């Protein structure tokens, strides 16, 4: 048994797979700098993909509050996120901006960033993640409409392939009044442009 294998938690197949990957890359997992790497990478990957276990209804819980008469837009912008591209397992990261128009109740403000985390902590496509966040808010909060805009930098674009440093991808999903009412959509977009 190698030293690296001896340092792994027994039965940790993910860490064992990382050790095998290091060997396939021509590295020696027994060298000093790599001894703990398989366990660290396994722990990181588990954290970066913990969103699969998240349930939007449980995240929001009882943080829905009746608020009759308030039907103006609520905007939470510049929500930092990070995720892993499902095509290359390289990070992408950026900011999400969320708005909704309540229909008799509002959601606790901390729940919106938690929903972003739930969907970003998965192997993802930015386009899918944007829609999943919007649909989760729409289903759990049941507002008159929801808008989500995500701005991301993808290391699979910057580090490999076209190698275009600092390029940005912007995706959006508009539901309800954000899709049907141009004025509502324009108001949301003007709010998030003020942060630039």
Protein backbone atom coordinates (compact mmCIF):
# COMPACT_ATOMS: atom_id res chain seq x y z
CA UNK A 1 0.00 0.00 0.00
CA UNK A 2 1.36 3.45 -0.89
CA UNK A 3 1.75 6.21 1.67
CA UNK A 4 -1.02 8.20 -0.08
CA UNK A 5 -3.38 5.24 0.07
CA UNK A 6 -2.53 4.80 3.76
CA UNK A 7 -3.49 8.45 4.45
CA UNK A 8 -6.96 8.07 2.90
CA UNK A 9 -10.02 7.51 5.02
CA UNK A 10 -10.95 3.84 4.61
CA UNK A 11 -13.80 3.40 2.14
CA UNK A 12 -13.52 6.90 0.67
CA UNK A 13 -13.91 5.89 -2.96
CA UNK A 14 -13.91 9.49 -4.18
CA UNK A 15 -10.50 10.18 -2.59
CA UNK A 16 -9.21 6.90 -4.00
CA UNK A 17 -10.40 7.99 -7.44
CA UNK A 18 -8.56 11.31 -7.07
CA UNK A 19 -5.36 9.43 -6.13
CA UNK A 20 -5.78 7.29 -9.25
CA UNK A 21 -6.37 10.43 -11.32
CA UNK A 22 -3.11 11.93 -10.04
CA UNK A 23 -1.29 8.77 -11.13
CA UNK A 24 -2.96 8.94 -14.57
CA UNK A 25 -1.67 12.51 -14.89
CA UNK A 26 1.86 11.25 -14.30
CA UNK A 27 2.07 12.48 -10.71
CA UNK A 28 3.18 10.57 -7.66
CA UNK A 29 0.45 10.75 -5.01
CA UNK A 30 3.04 9.59 -2.46
CA UNK A 31 5.17 12.70 -2.77
CA UNK A 32 5.02 15.09 0.17
CA UNK A 33 2.97 17.85 -1.45
CA UNK A 34 0.28 15.44 -2.65
CA UNK A 35 -0.15 13.14 0.35
CA UNK A 36 -3.36 14.82 1.55
CA UNK A 37 -4.52 16.03 -1.87
CA UNK A 38 -6.92 13.14 -2.63
CA UNK A 39 -8.79 13.68 0.65
CA UNK A 40 -8.81 17.46 0.22
CA UNK A 41 -10.12 17.25 -3.35
CA UNK A 42 -12.81 14.77 -2.33
CA UNK A 43 -13.92 17.08 0.49
CA UNK A 44 -13.93 20.08 -1.88
CA UNK A 45 -15.98 18.26 -4.49
CA UNK A 46 -18.51 17.17 -1.90
CA UNK A 47 -18.90 20.78 -0.74
CA UNK A 48 -19.07 22.17 -4.28
CA UNK A 49 -21.87 19.74 -5.18
CA UNK A 50 -23.86 19.73 -1.93
CA UNK A 51 -26.70 21.54 -3.70
CA UNK A 52 -28.05 18.26 -5.06
CA UNK A 53 -29.41 17.54 -1.58
CA UNK A 54 -31.07 20.95 -1.23
CA UNK A 55 -34.86 21.33 -1.39
CA UNK A 56 -36.15 24.85 -2.22
CA UNK A 57 -39.24 24.49 -0.01
CA UNK A 58 -37.06 23.46 2.94
CA UNK A 59 -34.63 26.34 2.30
CA UNK A 60 -37.45 28.89 2.39
CA UNK A 61 -39.18 27.05 5.25
CA UNK A 62 -41.48 29.34 7.21
CA UNK A 63 -39.78 32.53 5.97
CA UNK A 64 -42.81 33.57 3.91
CA UNK A 65 -44.55 36.56 5.44
CA UNK A 66 -48.00 37.96 4.65
CA UNK A 67 -47.80 41.54 3.44
CA UNK A 68 -51.07 42.68 1.94
CA UNK A 69 -51.01 45.81 -0.15
CA UNK A 70 -47.33 45.65 -1.09
CA UNK A 71 -47.06 44.85 -4.77
CA UNK A 72 -43.90 46.70 -5.72
CA UNK A 73 -40.74 45.00 -6.85
CA UNK A 74 -38.24 43.47 -4.42
CA UNK A 75 -34.68 43.28 -5.76
CA UNK A 76 -31.68 41.48 -4.27
CA UNK A 77 -28.64 42.06 -6.44
CA UNK A 78 -24.96 41.20 -6.52
CA UNK A 79 -25.36 37.77 -4.92
CA UNK A 80 -21.94 36.17 -5.30
CA UNK A 81 -21.88 32.55 -6.45
CA UNK A 82 -19.46 29.90 -7.65
CA UNK A 83 -20.16 26.67 -9.46
CA UNK A 84 -18.51 23.95 -11.53
CA UNK A 85 -19.01 23.70 -15.29
CA UNK A 86 -20.44 20.26 -16.03
CA UNK A 87 -18.45 20.01 -19.27
CA UNK A 88 -14.93 20.48 -17.86
CA UNK A 89 -15.36 20.49 -14.05
CA UNK A 90 -13.74 23.92 -14.02
CA UNK A 91 -15.15 26.77 -11.91
CA UNK A 92 -17.43 29.51 -13.06
CA UNK A 93 -18.39 32.34 -10.76
CA UNK A 94 -20.03 35.73 -10.68
CA UNK A 95 -23.13 37.48 -9.45
CA UNK A 96 -26.83 36.75 -9.52
CA UNK A 97 -29.53 39.41 -9.43
CA UNK A 98 -33.06 38.45 -8.38
CA UNK A 99 -36.30 40.42 -8.40
CA UNK A 100 -39.87 39.44 -7.72
CA UNK A 101 -43.22 41.16 -7.45
CA UNK A 102 -45.05 39.84 -4.37
CA UNK A 103 -48.59 38.53 -4.45
CA UNK A 104 -49.64 38.93 -0.83
CA UNK A 105 -46.44 37.65 0.79
CA UNK A 106 -42.73 38.27 0.81
CA UNK A 107 -39.81 35.91 1.44
CA UNK A 108 -37.04 36.42 3.99
CA UNK A 109 -34.24 38.16 2.12
CA UNK A 110 -31.55 35.68 3.19
CA UNK A 111 -33.45 32.87 1.49
CA UNK A 112 -32.75 34.18 -2.02
CA UNK A 113 -28.94 33.86 -1.72
CA UNK A 114 -29.46 30.43 -0.18
CA UNK A 115 -31.47 29.38 -3.22
CA UNK A 116 -28.65 30.64 -5.45
CA UNK A 117 -26.22 28.47 -3.44
CA UNK A 118 -28.49 25.44 -3.73
CA UNK A 119 -28.42 25.56 -7.53
CA UNK A 120 -24.85 26.77 -7.98
CA UNK A 121 -23.42 24.01 -5.75
CA UNK A 122 -23.93 21.42 -8.47
CA UNK A 123 -22.31 20.52 -11.77
CA UNK A 124 -24.01 23.18 -13.84
CA UNK A 125 -24.61 25.13 -16.98
CA UNK A 126 -25.16 28.82 -16.28
CA UNK A 127 -28.24 28.83 -18.50
CA UNK A 128 -29.86 25.97 -16.58
CA UNK A 129 -28.90 27.40 -13.19
CA UNK A 130 -30.53 30.75 -14.04
CA UNK A 131 -33.80 29.06 -14.97
CA UNK A 132 -33.74 26.71 -11.96
CA UNK A 133 -33.35 29.63 -9.55
CA UNK A 134 -36.24 31.52 -11.16
CA UNK A 135 -38.52 28.48 -11.26
CA UNK A 136 -37.77 27.60 -7.62
CA UNK A 137 -38.68 31.12 -6.46
CA UNK A 138 -41.79 31.06 -8.63
CA UNK A 139 -42.91 27.70 -7.21
CA UNK A 140 -42.17 28.34 -3.53
CA UNK A 141 -42.90 32.07 -3.16
CA UNK A 142 -45.69 32.22 -5.81
CA UNK A 143 -45.12 35.88 -6.72
CA UNK A 144 -46.77 37.76 -9.58
CA UNK A 145 -43.48 37.38 -11.39
CA UNK A 146 -39.78 36.75 -10.95
CA UNK A 147 -36.69 37.83 -12.84
CA UNK A 148 -33.20 36.40 -12.52
CA UNK A 149 -30.08 37.68 -14.26
CA UNK A 150 -26.76 35.90 -13.79
CA UNK A 151 -23.36 37.28 -14.82
CA UNK A 152 -20.57 34.72 -14.85
CA UNK A 153 -16.92 34.23 -15.70
CA UNK A 154 -16.04 30.74 -16.87
CA UNK A 155 -12.56 29.37 -16.35
CA UNK A 156 -13.22 26.79 -19.08
CA UNK A 157 -13.28 29.79 -21.44
CA UNK A 158 -10.43 31.69 -19.80
CA UNK A 159 -7.94 28.88 -19.06
CA UNK A 160 -8.42 26.57 -22.03
CA UNK A 161 -10.03 26.58 -25.46
CA UNK A 162 -10.33 30.18 -26.67
CA UNK A 163 -8.47 31.55 -23.59
CA UNK A 164 -10.41 34.81 -23.50
CA UNK A 165 -9.59 36.34 -20.14
CA UNK A 166 -12.30 38.33 -18.35
CA UNK A 167 -15.06 37.48 -20.83
CA UNK A 168 -18.46 37.46 -19.21
CA UNK A 169 -21.60 35.44 -19.89
CA UNK A 170 -24.99 36.94 -19.03
CA UNK A 171 -28.12 34.80 -18.78
CA UNK A 172 -31.65 35.71 -17.75
CA UNK A 173 -34.98 34.12 -16.98
CA UNK A 174 -38.14 36.21 -16.76
CA UNK A 175 -41.42 34.70 -15.51
CA UNK A 176 -44.88 36.15 -14.95
CA UNK A 177 -45.07 39.95 -15.12
CA UNK A 178 -41.35 40.14 -15.87
CA UNK A 179 -42.06 38.38 -19.15
CA UNK A 180 -45.41 39.97 -19.99
CA UNK A 181 -44.83 43.56 -18.87
CA UNK A 182 -42.01 45.50 -20.52
CA UNK A 183 -42.11 48.22 -17.85
CA UNK A 184 -41.53 45.71 -15.04
CA UNK A 185 -38.64 44.09 -16.90
CA UNK A 186 -37.09 47.48 -17.68
CA UNK A 187 -37.33 48.56 -14.03
CA UNK A 188 -35.52 45.39 -12.91
CA UNK A 189 -32.77 45.79 -15.49
CA UNK A 190 -32.28 49.45 -14.54
CA UNK A 191 -31.86 48.45 -10.86
CA UNK A 192 -29.11 45.96 -11.63
CA UNK A 193 -27.32 48.30 -14.06
CA UNK A 194 -26.91 50.78 -11.21
CA UNK A 195 -24.50 48.31 -9.56
CA UNK A 196 -21.99 48.58 -12.43
